[in-house]
Amino acid sequence: MSAELMRRAIALALENVRTARGGPFAALVAKHGSVIGEGANSVTAMNDPTAHAEVVAIRAACRALGTFQLTDCELYTTCEPWRTQASTMRSFTKSCAARRNRAVFL
């Protein structure tokens, strides 16, 4: 786990609250220590029930890499996921042995 990446996720969550876009929930996806996707909870701001921080970050990472396969990536999130996000995170880490993915949360 990278303390620096977790601090970045926490900073995103705090900014989300300061700007009144949503709750104190944020996530980021890193590959080899570099951030490739970030997201904060924007369910109410976007009127999108799927716009949870983890989902937003994973979508951004997939766009950045041009693929849905997030091989060798780590997901950092500021909160233990609800059931809906847990399903997304299971999909992210499902191929953990083959693709060496990892999810980290506070």
C-alpha atoms as a PDB file:
ATOM      1  CA  MET A   1       0.000   0.000   0.000  1.00  0.00           C
ATOM      2  CA  SER A   2       1.188   3.496  -0.808  1.00  0.00           C
ATOM      3  CA  ALA A   3       0.491   6.064   1.895  1.00  0.00           C
ATOM      4  CA  GLU A   4       0.993   8.811  -0.699  1.00  0.00           C
ATOM      5  CA  LEU A   5      -1.736   7.410  -2.951  1.00  0.00           C
ATOM      6  CA  MET A   6      -4.113   7.008  -0.014  1.00  0.00           C
ATOM      7  CA  ARG A   7      -3.445  10.635   0.998  1.00  0.00           C
ATOM      8  CA  ARG A   8      -4.326  11.683  -2.578  1.00  0.00           C
ATOM      9  CA  ALA A   9      -7.620   9.771  -2.351  1.00  0.00           C
ATOM     10  CA  ILE A  10      -8.382  11.453   0.988  1.00  0.00           C
ATOM     11  CA  ALA A  11      -7.617  14.874  -0.524  1.00  0.00           C
ATOM     12  CA  LEU A  12     -10.071  14.141  -3.366  1.00  0.00           C
ATOM     13  CA  ALA A  13     -12.744  13.208  -0.822  1.00  0.00           C
ATOM     14  CA  LEU A  14     -12.208  16.394   1.167  1.00  0.00           C
ATOM     15  CA  GLU A  15     -12.386  18.494  -2.001  1.00  0.00           C
ATOM     16  CA  ASN A  16     -15.638  16.754  -2.944  1.00  0.00           C
ATOM     17  CA  VAL A  17     -17.156  17.861   0.370  1.00  0.00           C
ATOM     18  CA  ARG A  18     -15.711  21.404   0.204  1.00  0.00           C
ATOM     19  CA  THR A  19     -17.236  21.940  -3.236  1.00  0.00           C
ATOM     20  CA  ALA A  20     -20.576  20.380  -2.198  1.00  0.00           C
ATOM     21  CA  ARG A  21     -20.492  17.897  -5.087  1.00  0.00           C
ATOM     22  CA  GLY A  22     -21.059  14.902  -2.847  1.00  0.00           C
ATOM     23  CA  GLY A  23     -20.027  13.027   0.242  1.00  0.00           C
ATOM     24  CA  PRO A  24     -16.529  12.334   1.555  1.00  0.00           C
ATOM     25  CA  PHE A  25     -15.943   9.436  -0.798  1.00  0.00           C
ATOM     26  CA  ALA A  26     -13.173   9.254  -3.381  1.00  0.00           C
ATOM     27  CA  ALA A  27     -11.071   6.655  -5.130  1.00  0.00           C
ATOM     28  CA  LEU A  28      -8.166   6.378  -7.500  1.00  0.00           C
ATOM     29  CA  VAL A  29      -6.602   3.705  -9.663  1.00  0.00           C
ATOM     30  CA  ALA A  30      -2.822   3.495  -9.860  1.00  0.00           C
ATOM     31  CA  LYS A  31      -0.564   1.484 -12.116  1.00  0.00           C
ATOM     32  CA  HIS A  32       3.061   1.010 -11.110  1.00  0.00           C
ATOM     33  CA  GLY A  33       2.669   3.815  -8.572  1.00  0.00           C
ATOM     34  CA  SER A  34       1.212   6.391 -10.997  1.00  0.00           C
ATOM     35  CA  VAL A  35      -2.393   7.576 -10.845  1.00  0.00           C
ATOM     36  CA  ILE A  36      -4.263   6.688 -14.035  1.00  0.00           C
ATOM     37  CA  GLY A  37      -7.818   7.420 -12.888  1.00  0.00           C
ATOM     38  CA  GLU A  38      -9.518   9.353 -10.101  1.00  0.00           C
ATOM     39  CA  GLY A  39     -13.068   9.841  -9.019  1.00  0.00           C
ATOM     40  CA  ALA A  40     -15.239  11.187  -6.261  1.00  0.00           C
ATOM     41  CA  ASN A  41     -18.804  10.320  -5.412  1.00  0.00           C
ATOM     42  CA  SER A  42     -21.028  12.249  -7.796  1.00  0.00           C
ATOM     43  CA  VAL A  43     -24.293  10.332  -7.475  1.00  0.00           C
ATOM     44  CA  THR A  44     -26.334  13.404  -6.525  1.00  0.00           C
ATOM     45  CA  ALA A  45     -24.370  15.913  -8.612  1.00  0.00           C
ATOM     46  CA  MET A  46     -24.867  13.853 -11.787  1.00  0.00           C
ATOM     47  CA  ASN A  47     -28.196  12.221 -10.868  1.00  0.00           C
ATOM     48  CA  ASP A  48     -26.474   8.931 -11.644  1.00  0.00           C
ATOM     49  CA  PRO A  49     -26.936   6.104  -9.142  1.00  0.00           C
ATOM     50  CA  THR A  50     -23.827   4.363 -10.516  1.00  0.00           C
ATOM     51  CA  ALA A  51     -21.492   7.351 -10.075  1.00  0.00           C
ATOM     52  CA  HIS A  52     -19.869   6.094  -6.893  1.00  0.00           C
ATOM     53  CA  ALA A  53     -16.222   7.036  -6.403  1.00  0.00           C
ATOM     54  CA  GLU A  54     -14.842   3.565  -7.178  1.00  0.00           C
ATOM     55  CA  VAL A  55     -16.863   3.273 -10.387  1.00  0.00           C
ATOM     56  CA  VAL A  56     -15.895   6.791 -11.524  1.00  0.00           C
ATOM     57  CA  ALA A  57     -12.199   6.070 -10.884  1.00  0.00           C
ATOM     58  CA  ILE A  58     -12.303   2.703 -12.674  1.00  0.00           C
ATOM     59  CA  ARG A  59     -14.060   4.263 -15.681  1.00  0.00           C
ATOM     60  CA  ALA A  60     -11.439   7.031 -15.835  1.00  0.00           C
ATOM     61  CA  ALA A  61      -8.612   4.483 -15.649  1.00  0.00           C
ATOM     62  CA  CYS A  62     -10.122   2.397 -18.447  1.00  0.00           C
ATOM     63  CA  ARG A  63     -10.438   5.507 -20.628  1.00  0.00           C
ATOM     64  CA  ALA A  64      -6.834   6.513 -19.855  1.00  0.00           C
ATOM     65  CA  LEU A  65      -5.497   3.077 -20.795  1.00  0.00           C
ATOM     66  CA  GLY A  66      -7.888   2.516 -23.696  1.00  0.00           C
ATOM     67  CA  THR A  67      -8.897  -0.902 -22.353  1.00  0.00           C
ATOM     68  CA  PHE A  68     -11.187  -2.480 -19.793  1.00  0.00           C
ATOM     69  CA  GLN A  69      -8.356  -4.667 -18.486  1.00  0.00           C
ATOM     70  CA  LEU A  70      -6.684  -2.950 -15.559  1.00  0.00           C
ATOM     71  CA  THR A  71      -3.764  -5.334 -15.301  1.00  0.00           C
ATOM     72  CA  ASP A  72      -1.272  -4.597 -12.488  1.00  0.00           C
ATOM     73  CA  CYS A  73      -3.471  -1.831 -11.084  1.00  0.00           C
ATOM     74  CA  GLU A  74      -4.397  -0.900  -7.521  1.00  0.00           C
ATOM     75  CA  LEU A  75      -7.647   0.725  -6.424  1.00  0.00           C
ATOM     76  CA  TYR A  76      -7.458   3.089  -3.439  1.00  0.00           C
ATOM     77  CA  THR A  77     -10.735   4.174  -1.870  1.00  0.00           C
ATOM     78  CA  THR A  78     -11.541   6.272   1.196  1.00  0.00           C
ATOM     79  CA  CYS A  79     -14.348   4.097   2.475  1.00  0.00           C
ATOM     80  CA  GLU A  80     -15.179   0.430   2.725  1.00  0.00           C
ATOM     81  CA  PRO A  81     -17.542  -0.194  -0.183  1.00  0.00           C
ATOM     82  CA  TRP A  82     -21.268  -0.827   0.031  1.00  0.00           C
ATOM     83  CA  ARG A  83     -22.634  -3.960  -1.586  1.00  0.00           C
ATOM     84  CA  THR A  84     -23.017  -2.301  -4.972  1.00  0.00           C
ATOM     85  CA  GLN A  85     -19.444  -1.005  -5.012  1.00  0.00           C
ATOM     86  CA  ALA A  86     -18.196  -4.259  -3.510  1.00  0.00           C
ATOM     87  CA  SER A  87     -19.452  -6.031  -6.617  1.00  0.00           C
ATOM     88  CA  THR A  88     -17.485  -3.635  -8.809  1.00  0.00           C
ATOM     89  CA  MET A  89     -14.404  -4.112  -6.666  1.00  0.00           C
ATOM     90  CA  ARG A  90     -14.772  -7.899  -6.864  1.00  0.00           C
ATOM     91  CA  SER A  91     -14.760  -7.569 -10.633  1.00  0.00           C
ATOM     92  CA  PHE A  92     -11.648  -5.396 -10.348  1.00  0.00           C
ATOM     93  CA  THR A  93      -9.805  -7.899  -8.168  1.00  0.00           C
ATOM     94  CA  LYS A  94     -11.350 -11.114  -9.535  1.00  0.00           C
ATOM     95  CA  SER A  95      -8.323 -11.871 -11.629  1.00  0.00           C
ATOM     96  CA  CYS A  96      -5.993 -10.940  -8.793  1.00  0.00           C
ATOM     97  CA  ALA A  97      -3.783 -13.989  -9.194  1.00  0.00           C
ATOM     98  CA  ALA A  98      -3.464 -13.625 -12.940  1.00  0.00           C
ATOM     99  CA  ARG A  99      -3.338  -9.851 -13.186  1.00  0.00           C
ATOM    100  CA  ARG A 100      -1.980  -8.878  -9.756  1.00  0.00           C
ATOM    101  CA  ASN A 101      -4.699  -6.305  -8.971  1.00  0.00           C
ATOM    102  CA  ARG A 102      -5.357  -5.071  -5.447  1.00  0.00           C
ATOM    103  CA  ALA A 103      -7.985  -2.944  -3.716  1.00  0.00           C
ATOM    104  CA  VAL A 104      -7.050  -0.819  -0.681  1.00  0.00           C
ATOM    105  CA  PHE A 105      -9.522   1.048   1.509  1.00  0.00           C
ATOM    106  CA  LEU A 106      -9.550   2.839   4.858  1.00  0.00           C
END
